[in-house]
Amino acid sequence: MELSEIKRGMLVESLQGSGRVLVIDEVTQSLLIENSESREQFAVGIDEIVDEPQLHHGCDQYY
């Protein structure tokens, strides 16, 4: 997945878990993500994002 495809508020899946994107850091190519359930925040590199086409925007469920 490319950093240009990521938008703030988007639901993403990473190796550390899934959550909503809070901050996109283009300099370090990383994201700050908040877990939807625990509200825990964690940073991940763009290379840790799992491209999951069935995870769609505006919904926390797969289709």
PDB file of N, CA and C in Angstrom:
ATOM      1  N   MET A   1       0.854  -1.174   0.000  1.00  0.00           N
ATOM      2  CA  MET A   1       0.000   0.000   0.000  1.00  0.00           C
ATOM      3  C   MET A   1       0.899   1.235   0.000  1.00  0.00           C
ATOM      4  N   GLU A   2       0.500   2.246  -0.738  1.00  0.00           N
ATOM      5  CA  GLU A   2       1.242   3.496  -0.834  1.00  0.00           C
ATOM      6  C   GLU A   2       0.733   4.500   0.195  1.00  0.00           C
ATOM      7  N   LEU A   3       1.611   5.351   0.686  1.00  0.00           N
ATOM      8  CA  LEU A   3       1.235   6.369   1.656  1.00  0.00           C
ATOM      9  C   LEU A   3       0.190   7.324   1.076  1.00  0.00           C
ATOM     10  N   SER A   4       0.239   7.556  -0.223  1.00  0.00           N
ATOM     11  CA  SER A   4      -0.721   8.455  -0.871  1.00  0.00           C
ATOM     12  C   SER A   4      -2.143   7.900  -0.853  1.00  0.00           C
ATOM     13  N   GLU A   5      -2.297   6.605  -0.639  1.00  0.00           N
ATOM     14  CA  GLU A   5      -3.618   5.973  -0.579  1.00  0.00           C
ATOM     15  C   GLU A   5      -4.254   6.088   0.804  1.00  0.00           C
ATOM     16  N   ILE A   6      -3.473   6.458   1.810  1.00  0.00           N
ATOM     17  CA  ILE A   6      -3.940   6.538   3.188  1.00  0.00           C
ATOM     18  C   ILE A   6      -4.520   7.916   3.464  1.00  0.00           C
ATOM     19  N   LYS A   7      -5.652   7.956   4.128  1.00  0.00           N
ATOM     20  CA  LYS A   7      -6.308   9.208   4.517  1.00  0.00           C
ATOM     21  C   LYS A   7      -6.555   9.189   6.021  1.00  0.00           C
ATOM     22  N   ARG A   8      -6.546  10.359   6.630  1.00  0.00           N
ATOM     23  CA  ARG A   8      -6.828  10.478   8.057  1.00  0.00           C
ATOM     24  C   ARG A   8      -8.262  10.001   8.325  1.00  0.00           C
ATOM     25  N   GLY A   9      -8.445   9.198   9.379  1.00  0.00           N
ATOM     26  CA  GLY A   9      -9.752   8.650   9.713  1.00  0.00           C
ATOM     27  C   GLY A   9     -10.039   7.312   9.066  1.00  0.00           C
ATOM     28  N   MET A  10      -9.177   6.903   8.171  1.00  0.00           N
ATOM     29  CA  MET A  10      -9.350   5.645   7.448  1.00  0.00           C
ATOM     30  C   MET A  10      -9.091   4.461   8.379  1.00  0.00           C
ATOM     31  N   LEU A  11      -9.833   3.399   8.227  1.00  0.00           N
ATOM     32  CA  LEU A  11      -9.635   2.172   8.982  1.00  0.00           C
ATOM     33  C   LEU A  11      -8.601   1.332   8.248  1.00  0.00           C
ATOM     34  N   VAL A  12      -7.528   0.969   8.960  1.00  0.00           N
ATOM     35  CA  VAL A  12      -6.463   0.174   8.344  1.00  0.00           C
ATOM     36  C   VAL A  12      -6.136  -1.026   9.224  1.00  0.00           C
ATOM     37  N   GLU A  13      -5.540  -1.994   8.604  1.00  0.00           N
ATOM     38  CA  GLU A  13      -5.075  -3.205   9.289  1.00  0.00           C
ATOM     39  C   GLU A  13      -3.553  -3.194   9.229  1.00  0.00           C
ATOM     40  N   SER A  14      -2.928  -3.428  10.380  1.00  0.00           N
ATOM     41  CA  SER A  14      -1.466  -3.477  10.423  1.00  0.00           C
ATOM     42  C   SER A  14      -1.034  -4.751  11.129  1.00  0.00           C
ATOM     43  N   LEU A  15       0.261  -4.964  11.161  1.00  0.00           N
ATOM     44  CA  LEU A  15       0.793  -6.137  11.844  1.00  0.00           C
ATOM     45  C   LEU A  15       0.557  -6.054  13.351  1.00  0.00           C
ATOM     46  N   GLN A  16       0.335  -4.840  13.877  1.00  0.00           N
ATOM     47  CA  GLN A  16       0.079  -4.644  15.309  1.00  0.00           C
ATOM     48  C   GLN A  16      -1.415  -4.622  15.646  1.00  0.00           C
ATOM     49  N   GLY A  17      -2.268  -4.676  14.654  1.00  0.00           N
ATOM     50  CA  GLY A  17      -3.712  -4.646  14.853  1.00  0.00           C
ATOM     51  C   GLY A  17      -4.370  -3.635  13.935  1.00  0.00           C
ATOM     52  N   SER A  18      -5.681  -3.490  14.065  1.00  0.00           N
ATOM     53  CA  SER A  18      -6.407  -2.564  13.198  1.00  0.00           C
ATOM     54  C   SER A  18      -6.853  -1.342  13.987  1.00  0.00           C
ATOM     55  N   GLY A  19      -7.152  -0.281  13.255  1.00  0.00           N
ATOM     56  CA  GLY A  19      -7.621   0.945  13.881  1.00  0.00           C
ATOM     57  C   GLY A  19      -7.733   2.071  12.880  1.00  0.00           C
ATOM     58  N   ARG A  20      -8.052   3.246  13.388  1.00  0.00           N
ATOM     59  CA  ARG A  20      -8.218   4.430  12.556  1.00  0.00           C
ATOM     60  C   ARG A  20      -6.943   5.258  12.525  1.00  0.00           C
ATOM     61  N   VAL A  21      -6.646   5.798  11.358  1.00  0.00           N
ATOM     62  CA  VAL A  21      -5.459   6.625  11.175  1.00  0.00           C
ATOM     63  C   VAL A  21      -5.694   7.989  11.809  1.00  0.00           C
ATOM     64  N   LEU A  22      -4.812   8.383  12.726  1.00  0.00           N
ATOM     65  CA  LEU A  22      -4.880   9.689  13.373  1.00  0.00           C
ATOM     66  C   LEU A  22      -3.938  10.688  12.711  1.00  0.00           C
ATOM     67  N   VAL A  23      -2.711  10.236  12.414  1.00  0.00           N
ATOM     68  CA  VAL A  23      -1.682  11.112  11.862  1.00  0.00           C
ATOM     69  C   VAL A  23      -0.934  10.380  10.765  1.00  0.00           C
ATOM     70  N   ILE A  24      -0.630  11.088   9.691  1.00  0.00           N
ATOM     71  CA  ILE A  24       0.179  10.554   8.604  1.00  0.00           C
ATOM     72  C   ILE A  24       1.469  11.372   8.572  1.00  0.00           C
ATOM     73  N   ASP A  25       2.599  10.713   8.769  1.00  0.00           N
ATOM     74  CA  ASP A  25       3.894  11.397   8.757  1.00  0.00           C
ATOM     75  C   ASP A  25       4.624  11.022   7.470  1.00  0.00           C
ATOM     76  N   GLU A  26       4.635  11.939   6.517  1.00  0.00           N
ATOM     77  CA  GLU A  26       5.256  11.669   5.229  1.00  0.00           C
ATOM     78  C   GLU A  26       6.776  11.603   5.316  1.00  0.00           C
ATOM     79  N   VAL A  27       7.360  12.334   6.255  1.00  0.00           N
ATOM     80  CA  VAL A  27       8.818  12.352   6.394  1.00  0.00           C
ATOM     81  C   VAL A  27       9.339  10.982   6.819  1.00  0.00           C
ATOM     82  N   THR A  28       8.722  10.394   7.837  1.00  0.00           N
ATOM     83  CA  THR A  28       9.175   9.085   8.333  1.00  0.00           C
ATOM     84  C   THR A  28       8.428   7.913   7.701  1.00  0.00           C
ATOM     85  N   GLN A  29       7.464   8.224   6.813  1.00  0.00           N
ATOM     86  CA  GLN A  29       6.664   7.180   6.160  1.00  0.00           C
ATOM     87  C   GLN A  29       5.984   6.296   7.193  1.00  0.00           C
ATOM     88  N   SER A  30       5.350   6.944   8.197  1.00  0.00           N
ATOM     89  CA  SER A  30       4.685   6.195   9.261  1.00  0.00           C
ATOM     90  C   SER A  30       3.318   6.781   9.577  1.00  0.00           C
ATOM     91  N   LEU A  31       2.540   6.018  10.333  1.00  0.00           N
ATOM     92  CA  LEU A  31       1.185   6.409  10.707  1.00  0.00           C
ATOM     93  C   LEU A  31       1.009   6.258  12.211  1.00  0.00           C
ATOM     94  N   LEU A  32       0.196   7.117  12.799  1.00  0.00           N
ATOM     95  CA  LEU A  32      -0.245   6.945  14.173  1.00  0.00           C
ATOM     96  C   LEU A  32      -1.667   6.425  14.080  1.00  0.00           C
ATOM     97  N   ILE A  33      -1.907   5.277  14.694  1.00  0.00           N
ATOM     98  CA  ILE A  33      -3.195   4.593  14.594  1.00  0.00           C
ATOM     99  C   ILE A  33      -3.789   4.449  15.981  1.00  0.00           C
ATOM    100  N   GLU A  34      -5.113   4.596  16.079  1.00  0.00           N
ATOM    101  CA  GLU A  34      -5.813   4.361  17.337  1.00  0.00           C
ATOM    102  C   GLU A  34      -6.673   3.114  17.193  1.00  0.00           C
ATOM    103  N   ASN A  35      -6.451   2.158  18.084  1.00  0.00           N
ATOM    104  CA  ASN A  35      -7.245   0.934  18.094  1.00  0.00           C
ATOM    105  C   ASN A  35      -8.695   1.296  18.381  1.00  0.00           C
ATOM    106  N   SER A  36      -9.611   0.797  17.587  1.00  0.00           N
ATOM    107  CA  SER A  36     -11.029   1.139  17.703  1.00  0.00           C
ATOM    108  C   SER A  36     -11.658   0.666  19.010  1.00  0.00           C
ATOM    109  N   GLU A  37     -11.179  -0.428  19.554  1.00  0.00           N
ATOM    110  CA  GLU A  37     -11.776  -0.988  20.769  1.00  0.00           C
ATOM    111  C   GLU A  37     -11.126  -0.462  22.041  1.00  0.00           C
ATOM    112  N   SER A  38      -9.808  -0.504  22.107  1.00  0.00           N
ATOM    113  CA  SER A  38      -9.106  -0.149  23.347  1.00  0.00           C
ATOM    114  C   SER A  38      -8.709   1.326  23.418  1.00  0.00           C
ATOM    115  N   ARG A  39      -8.800   2.037  22.303  1.00  0.00           N
ATOM    116  CA  ARG A  39      -8.376   3.438  22.202  1.00  0.00           C
ATOM    117  C   ARG A  39      -6.862   3.601  22.379  1.00  0.00           C
ATOM    118  N   GLU A  40      -6.128   2.498  22.391  1.00  0.00           N
ATOM    119  CA  GLU A  40      -4.674   2.538  22.469  1.00  0.00           C
ATOM    120  C   GLU A  40      -4.121   3.065  21.153  1.00  0.00           C
ATOM    121  N   GLN A  41      -3.118   3.917  21.230  1.00  0.00           N
ATOM    122  CA  GLN A  41      -2.495   4.470  20.038  1.00  0.00           C
ATOM    123  C   GLN A  41      -1.141   3.824  19.819  1.00  0.00           C
ATOM    124  N   PHE A  42      -0.806   3.588  18.554  1.00  0.00           N
ATOM    125  CA  PHE A  42       0.486   3.008  18.218  1.00  0.00           C
ATOM    126  C   PHE A  42       0.928   3.507  16.852  1.00  0.00           C
ATOM    127  N   ALA A  43       2.236   3.553  16.669  1.00  0.00           N
ATOM    128  CA  ALA A  43       2.812   4.007  15.403  1.00  0.00           C
ATOM    129  C   ALA A  43       3.269   2.802  14.597  1.00  0.00           C
ATOM    130  N   VAL A  44       3.057   2.874  13.301  1.00  0.00           N
ATOM    131  CA  VAL A  44       3.515   1.814  12.397  1.00  0.00           C
ATOM    132  C   VAL A  44       4.096   2.447  11.138  1.00  0.00           C
ATOM    133  N   GLY A  45       5.041   1.765  10.552  1.00  0.00           N
ATOM    134  CA  GLY A  45       5.582   2.181   9.263  1.00  0.00           C
ATOM    135  C   GLY A  45       4.638   1.773   8.152  1.00  0.00           C
ATOM    136  N   ILE A  46       4.710   2.459   7.040  1.00  0.00           N
ATOM    137  CA  ILE A  46       3.813   2.159   5.916  1.00  0.00           C
ATOM    138  C   ILE A  46       4.007   0.719   5.436  1.00  0.00           C
ATOM    139  N   ASP A  47       5.206   0.176   5.601  1.00  0.00           N
ATOM    140  CA  ASP A  47       5.460  -1.202   5.182  1.00  0.00           C
ATOM    141  C   ASP A  47       4.792  -2.231   6.088  1.00  0.00           C
ATOM    142  N   GLU A  48       4.268  -1.802   7.251  1.00  0.00           N
ATOM    143  CA  GLU A  48       3.564  -2.706   8.168  1.00  0.00           C
ATOM    144  C   GLU A  48       2.058  -2.745   7.916  1.00  0.00           C
ATOM    145  N   ILE A  49       1.564  -1.909   7.007  1.00  0.00           N
ATOM    146  CA  ILE A  49       0.130  -1.874   6.704  1.00  0.00           C
ATOM    147  C   ILE A  49      -0.218  -3.043   5.800  1.00  0.00           C
ATOM    148  N   VAL A  50      -1.255  -3.753   6.181  1.00  0.00           N
ATOM    149  CA  VAL A  50      -1.745  -4.890   5.402  1.00  0.00           C
ATOM    150  C   VAL A  50      -2.816  -4.361   4.463  1.00  0.00           C
ATOM    151  N   ASP A  51      -2.628  -4.575   3.179  1.00  0.00           N
ATOM    152  CA  ASP A  51      -3.606  -4.129   2.193  1.00  0.00           C
ATOM    153  C   ASP A  51      -4.763  -5.117   2.194  1.00  0.00           C
ATOM    154  N   GLU A  52      -5.890  -4.709   2.788  1.00  0.00           N
ATOM    155  CA  GLU A  52      -7.055  -5.580   2.935  1.00  0.00           C
ATOM    156  C   GLU A  52      -8.217  -4.974   2.146  1.00  0.00           C
ATOM    157  N   PRO A  53      -8.410  -5.393   0.902  1.00  0.00           N
ATOM    158  CA  PRO A  53      -9.450  -4.785   0.058  1.00  0.00           C
ATOM    159  C   PRO A  53     -10.872  -4.994   0.558  1.00  0.00           C
ATOM    160  N   GLN A  54     -11.116  -5.972   1.424  1.00  0.00           N
ATOM    161  CA  GLN A  54     -12.471  -6.184   1.917  1.00  0.00           C
ATOM    162  C   GLN A  54     -12.808  -5.289   3.094  1.00  0.00           C
ATOM    163  N   LEU A  55     -11.841  -4.593   3.649  1.00  0.00           N
ATOM    164  CA  LEU A  55     -12.082  -3.670   4.743  1.00  0.00           C
ATOM    165  C   LEU A  55     -12.435  -2.330   4.117  1.00  0.00           C
ATOM    166  N   HIS A  56     -13.703  -1.954   4.213  1.00  0.00           N
ATOM    167  CA  HIS A  56     -14.118  -0.760   3.495  1.00  0.00           C
ATOM    168  C   HIS A  56     -14.324   0.421   4.425  1.00  0.00           C
ATOM    169  N   HIS A  57     -14.240   1.620   3.860  1.00  0.00           N
ATOM    170  CA  HIS A  57     -14.287   2.860   4.614  1.00  0.00           C
ATOM    171  C   HIS A  57     -15.687   3.143   5.165  1.00  0.00           C
ATOM    172  N   GLY A  58     -15.729   3.732   6.351  1.00  0.00           N
ATOM    173  CA  GLY A  58     -16.999   4.090   6.939  1.00  0.00           C
ATOM    174  C   GLY A  58     -17.673   2.968   7.703  1.00  0.00           C
ATOM    175  N   CYS A  59     -16.987   1.830   7.806  1.00  0.00           N
ATOM    176  CA  CYS A  59     -17.564   0.678   8.483  1.00  0.00           C
ATOM    177  C   CYS A  59     -16.445  -0.124   9.129  1.00  0.00           C
ATOM    178  N   ASP A  60     -16.674  -0.643  10.316  1.00  0.00           N
ATOM    179  CA  ASP A  60     -15.654  -1.416  11.008  1.00  0.00           C
ATOM    180  C   ASP A  60     -15.769  -2.907  10.747  1.00  0.00           C
ATOM    181  N   GLN A  61     -16.430  -3.275   9.664  1.00  0.00           N
ATOM    182  CA  GLN A  61     -16.633  -4.684   9.382  1.00  0.00           C
ATOM    183  C   GLN A  61     -16.155  -5.033   7.993  1.00  0.00           C
ATOM    184  N   TYR A  62     -15.874  -6.303   7.809  1.00  0.00           N
ATOM    185  CA  TYR A  62     -15.536  -6.817   6.482  1.00  0.00           C
ATOM    186  C   TYR A  62     -16.811  -7.157   5.738  1.00  0.00           C
ATOM    187  N   TYR A  63     -16.765  -7.155   4.446  1.00  0.00           N
ATOM    188  CA  TYR A  63     -17.925  -7.591   3.663  1.00  0.00           C
ATOM    189  C   TYR A  63     -17.576  -8.781   2.834  1.00  0.00           C
TER     190      TYR A  63
END
